Amino acid sequence: MISDHISLLMDKASYRILGSNEFTLDYKDDLAFILKTKNETLAYGIWFSD
């Protein structure tokens, strides 16, 4: 799973490095994902598989 491979993110607003304890990757029925911090949503999308 991709969440097992993300250890750091760069916050584009503050240029701060976020450790894995500062963001979460949530899933909706294994079809969609939301990557977020406590204060904002960083990314969202739909999983596609071959």
PDB file of N, CA and C in Angstrom:
ATOM      1  N   MET A   1       0.837  -1.172   0.000  1.00  0.00           N
ATOM      2  CA  MET A   1       0.000   0.000   0.000  1.00  0.00           C
ATOM      3  C   MET A   1       0.888   1.243   0.000  1.00  0.00           C
ATOM      4  N   ILE A   2       0.450   2.285  -0.666  1.00  0.00           N
ATOM      5  CA  ILE A   2       1.283   3.484  -0.820  1.00  0.00           C
ATOM      6  C   ILE A   2       1.577   4.167   0.511  1.00  0.00           C
ATOM      7  N   SER A   3       0.648   4.105   1.460  1.00  0.00           N
ATOM      8  CA  SER A   3       0.888   4.763   2.748  1.00  0.00           C
ATOM      9  C   SER A   3       2.068   4.166   3.493  1.00  0.00           C
ATOM     10  N   ASP A   4       2.418   2.936   3.190  1.00  0.00           N
ATOM     11  CA  ASP A   4       3.575   2.309   3.815  1.00  0.00           C
ATOM     12  C   ASP A   4       4.892   2.878   3.298  1.00  0.00           C
ATOM     13  N   HIS A   5       4.849   3.618   2.194  1.00  0.00           N
ATOM     14  CA  HIS A   5       6.066   4.105   1.555  1.00  0.00           C
ATOM     15  C   HIS A   5       6.256   5.614   1.681  1.00  0.00           C
ATOM     16  N   ILE A   6       5.286   6.325   2.234  1.00  0.00           N
ATOM     17  CA  ILE A   6       5.409   7.774   2.409  1.00  0.00           C
ATOM     18  C   ILE A   6       5.945   8.042   3.810  1.00  0.00           C
ATOM     19  N   SER A   7       7.102   8.662   3.902  1.00  0.00           N
ATOM     20  CA  SER A   7       7.646   8.974   5.226  1.00  0.00           C
ATOM     21  C   SER A   7       7.777  10.474   5.464  1.00  0.00           C
ATOM     22  N   LEU A   8       7.869  11.260   4.398  1.00  0.00           N
ATOM     23  CA  LEU A   8       7.995  12.712   4.517  1.00  0.00           C
ATOM     24  C   LEU A   8       7.187  13.400   3.429  1.00  0.00           C
ATOM     25  N   LEU A   9       6.668  14.579   3.745  1.00  0.00           N
ATOM     26  CA  LEU A   9       6.029  15.451   2.762  1.00  0.00           C
ATOM     27  C   LEU A   9       6.547  16.859   2.976  1.00  0.00           C
ATOM     28  N   MET A  10       6.548  17.669   1.919  1.00  0.00           N
ATOM     29  CA  MET A  10       6.915  19.076   2.027  1.00  0.00           C
ATOM     30  C   MET A  10       5.626  19.890   1.995  1.00  0.00           C
ATOM     31  N   ASP A  11       5.409  20.712   3.013  1.00  0.00           N
ATOM     32  CA  ASP A  11       4.261  21.607   3.048  1.00  0.00           C
ATOM     33  C   ASP A  11       4.564  22.790   2.142  1.00  0.00           C
ATOM     34  N   LYS A  12       3.786  22.937   1.076  1.00  0.00           N
ATOM     35  CA  LYS A  12       4.087  23.975   0.084  1.00  0.00           C
ATOM     36  C   LYS A  12       3.876  25.385   0.607  1.00  0.00           C
ATOM     37  N   ALA A  13       3.024  25.568   1.608  1.00  0.00           N
ATOM     38  CA  ALA A  13       2.778  26.908   2.138  1.00  0.00           C
ATOM     39  C   ALA A  13       3.916  27.387   3.030  1.00  0.00           C
ATOM     40  N   SER A  14       4.430  26.512   3.878  1.00  0.00           N
ATOM     41  CA  SER A  14       5.453  26.933   4.835  1.00  0.00           C
ATOM     42  C   SER A  14       6.837  26.388   4.515  1.00  0.00           C
ATOM     43  N   TYR A  15       6.934  25.550   3.489  1.00  0.00           N
ATOM     44  CA  TYR A  15       8.186  24.873   3.131  1.00  0.00           C
ATOM     45  C   TYR A  15       8.739  24.050   4.297  1.00  0.00           C
ATOM     46  N   ARG A  16       7.830  23.572   5.137  1.00  0.00           N
ATOM     47  CA  ARG A  16       8.201  22.754   6.281  1.00  0.00           C
ATOM     48  C   ARG A  16       8.122  21.290   5.890  1.00  0.00           C
ATOM     49  N   ILE A  17       9.011  20.488   6.414  1.00  0.00           N
ATOM     50  CA  ILE A  17       8.961  19.045   6.199  1.00  0.00           C
ATOM     51  C   ILE A  17       7.983  18.446   7.202  1.00  0.00           C
ATOM     52  N   LEU A  18       7.034  17.665   6.706  1.00  0.00           N
ATOM     53  CA  LEU A  18       6.069  16.999   7.565  1.00  0.00           C
ATOM     54  C   LEU A  18       6.470  15.543   7.721  1.00  0.00           C
ATOM     55  N   GLY A  19       6.616  15.103   8.945  1.00  0.00           N
ATOM     56  CA  GLY A  19       6.898  13.698   9.200  1.00  0.00           C
ATOM     57  C   GLY A  19       5.624  12.871   9.098  1.00  0.00           C
ATOM     58  N   SER A  20       5.763  11.571   9.070  1.00  0.00           N
ATOM     59  CA  SER A  20       4.610  10.695   8.874  1.00  0.00           C
ATOM     60  C   SER A  20       3.592  10.783  10.007  1.00  0.00           C
ATOM     61  N   ASN A  21       3.979  11.334  11.146  1.00  0.00           N
ATOM     62  CA  ASN A  21       3.017  11.503  12.231  1.00  0.00           C
ATOM     63  C   ASN A  21       2.185  12.773  12.072  1.00  0.00           C
ATOM     64  N   GLU A  22       2.455  13.587  11.046  1.00  0.00           N
ATOM     65  CA  GLU A  22       1.751  14.848  10.839  1.00  0.00           C
ATOM     66  C   GLU A  22       0.754  14.806   9.686  1.00  0.00           C
ATOM     67  N   PHE A  23       0.659  13.704   8.980  1.00  0.00           N
ATOM     68  CA  PHE A  23      -0.335  13.606   7.916  1.00  0.00           C
ATOM     69  C   PHE A  23      -0.966  12.227   7.934  1.00  0.00           C
ATOM     70  N   THR A  24      -2.142  12.133   7.336  1.00  0.00           N
ATOM     71  CA  THR A  24      -2.840  10.851   7.256  1.00  0.00           C
ATOM     72  C   THR A  24      -3.285  10.607   5.822  1.00  0.00           C
ATOM     73  N   LEU A  25      -3.360   9.357   5.476  1.00  0.00           N
ATOM     74  CA  LEU A  25      -3.847   8.942   4.168  1.00  0.00           C
ATOM     75  C   LEU A  25      -5.071   8.078   4.420  1.00  0.00           C
ATOM     76  N   ASP A  26      -6.259   8.635   4.147  1.00  0.00           N
ATOM     77  CA  ASP A  26      -7.515   7.934   4.380  1.00  0.00           C
ATOM     78  C   ASP A  26      -8.022   7.331   3.083  1.00  0.00           C
ATOM     79  N   TYR A  27      -8.730   6.226   3.207  1.00  0.00           N
ATOM     80  CA  TYR A  27      -9.281   5.530   2.046  1.00  0.00           C
ATOM     81  C   TYR A  27     -10.787   5.443   2.155  1.00  0.00           C
ATOM     82  N   LYS A  28     -11.451   5.444   1.031  1.00  0.00           N
ATOM     83  CA  LYS A  28     -12.896   5.252   0.975  1.00  0.00           C
ATOM     84  C   LYS A  28     -13.163   4.013   0.143  1.00  0.00           C
ATOM     85  N   ASP A  29     -13.487   2.908   0.786  1.00  0.00           N
ATOM     86  CA  ASP A  29     -13.826   1.654   0.101  1.00  0.00           C
ATOM     87  C   ASP A  29     -12.749   1.216  -0.884  1.00  0.00           C
ATOM     88  N   ASP A  30     -11.487   1.511  -0.600  1.00  0.00           N
ATOM     89  CA  ASP A  30     -10.359   1.152  -1.471  1.00  0.00           C
ATOM     90  C   ASP A  30     -10.489   1.711  -2.884  1.00  0.00           C
ATOM     91  N   LEU A  31     -11.320   2.734  -3.067  1.00  0.00           N
ATOM     92  CA  LEU A  31     -11.501   3.338  -4.389  1.00  0.00           C
ATOM     93  C   LEU A  31     -10.920   4.742  -4.473  1.00  0.00           C
ATOM     94  N   ALA A  32     -10.942   5.468  -3.377  1.00  0.00           N
ATOM     95  CA  ALA A  32     -10.481   6.850  -3.378  1.00  0.00           C
ATOM     96  C   ALA A  32      -9.573   7.076  -2.173  1.00  0.00           C
ATOM     97  N   PHE A  33      -8.786   8.138  -2.253  1.00  0.00           N
ATOM     98  CA  PHE A  33      -7.899   8.472  -1.139  1.00  0.00           C
ATOM     99  C   PHE A  33      -7.936   9.963  -0.857  1.00  0.00           C
ATOM    100  N   ILE A  34      -7.626  10.320   0.375  1.00  0.00           N
ATOM    101  CA  ILE A  34      -7.487  11.711   0.793  1.00  0.00           C
ATOM    102  C   ILE A  34      -6.224  11.791   1.639  1.00  0.00           C
ATOM    103  N   LEU A  35      -5.296  12.622   1.222  1.00  0.00           N
ATOM    104  CA  LEU A  35      -4.061  12.858   1.963  1.00  0.00           C
ATOM    105  C   LEU A  35      -4.223  14.196   2.663  1.00  0.00           C
ATOM    106  N   LYS A  36      -4.151  14.215   3.999  1.00  0.00           N
ATOM    107  CA  LYS A  36      -4.438  15.449   4.714  1.00  0.00           C
ATOM    108  C   LYS A  36      -3.593  15.604   5.964  1.00  0.00           C
ATOM    109  N   THR A  37      -3.460  16.863   6.369  1.00  0.00           N
ATOM    110  CA  THR A  37      -2.866  17.185   7.659  1.00  0.00           C
ATOM    111  C   THR A  37      -4.003  17.592   8.577  1.00  0.00           C
ATOM    112  N   LYS A  38      -3.657  18.005   9.784  1.00  0.00           N
ATOM    113  CA  LYS A  38      -4.678  18.449  10.731  1.00  0.00           C
ATOM    114  C   LYS A  38      -5.427  19.676  10.208  1.00  0.00           C
ATOM    115  N   ASN A  39      -4.755  20.509   9.413  1.00  0.00           N
ATOM    116  CA  ASN A  39      -5.328  21.785   8.993  1.00  0.00           C
ATOM    117  C   ASN A  39      -5.807  21.855   7.552  1.00  0.00           C
ATOM    118  N   GLU A  40      -5.354  20.945   6.689  1.00  0.00           N
ATOM    119  CA  GLU A  40      -5.735  21.074   5.286  1.00  0.00           C
ATOM    120  C   GLU A  40      -5.662  19.745   4.545  1.00  0.00           C
ATOM    121  N   THR A  41      -6.397  19.696   3.450  1.00  0.00           N
ATOM    122  CA  THR A  41      -6.319  18.558   2.542  1.00  0.00           C
ATOM    123  C   THR A  41      -5.207  18.829   1.545  1.00  0.00           C
ATOM    124  N   LEU A  42      -4.276  17.890   1.418  1.00  0.00           N
ATOM    125  CA  LEU A  42      -3.135  18.067   0.526  1.00  0.00           C
ATOM    126  C   LEU A  42      -3.388  17.492  -0.858  1.00  0.00           C
ATOM    127  N   ALA A  43      -4.104  16.379  -0.916  1.00  0.00           N
ATOM    128  CA  ALA A  43      -4.367  15.727  -2.202  1.00  0.00           C
ATOM    129  C   ALA A  43      -5.534  14.766  -2.042  1.00  0.00           C
ATOM    130  N   TYR A  44      -6.200  14.502  -3.156  1.00  0.00           N
ATOM    131  CA  TYR A  44      -7.257  13.502  -3.165  1.00  0.00           C
ATOM    132  C   TYR A  44      -7.360  12.940  -4.564  1.00  0.00           C
ATOM    133  N   GLY A  45      -7.919  11.775  -4.675  1.00  0.00           N
ATOM    134  CA  GLY A  45      -8.034  11.165  -5.993  1.00  0.00           C
ATOM    135  C   GLY A  45      -8.678   9.794  -5.939  1.00  0.00           C
ATOM    136  N   ILE A  46      -8.670   9.138  -7.060  1.00  0.00           N
ATOM    137  CA  ILE A  46      -9.263   7.816  -7.225  1.00  0.00           C
ATOM    138  C   ILE A  46      -8.165   6.848  -7.609  1.00  0.00           C
ATOM    139  N   TRP A  47      -8.161   5.676  -6.986  1.00  0.00           N
ATOM    140  CA  TRP A  47      -7.188   4.628  -7.323  1.00  0.00           C
ATOM    141  C   TRP A  47      -7.566   3.974  -8.631  1.00  0.00           C
ATOM    142  N   PHE A  48      -6.605   3.720  -9.455  1.00  0.00           N
ATOM    143  CA  PHE A  48      -6.781   2.929 -10.672  1.00  0.00           C
ATOM    144  C   PHE A  48      -5.821   1.761 -10.600  1.00  0.00           C
ATOM    145  N   SER A  49      -6.283   0.601 -10.974  1.00  0.00           N
ATOM    146  CA  SER A  49      -5.389  -0.554 -10.978  1.00  0.00           C
ATOM    147  C   SER A  49      -5.480  -1.263 -12.315  1.00  0.00           C
ATOM    148  N   ASP A  50      -4.428  -1.964 -12.654  1.00  0.00           N
ATOM    149  CA  ASP A  50      -4.382  -2.683 -13.926  1.00  0.00           C
ATOM    150  C   ASP A  50      -5.085  -4.013 -13.820  1.00  0.00           C
TER     151      ASP A  50
END
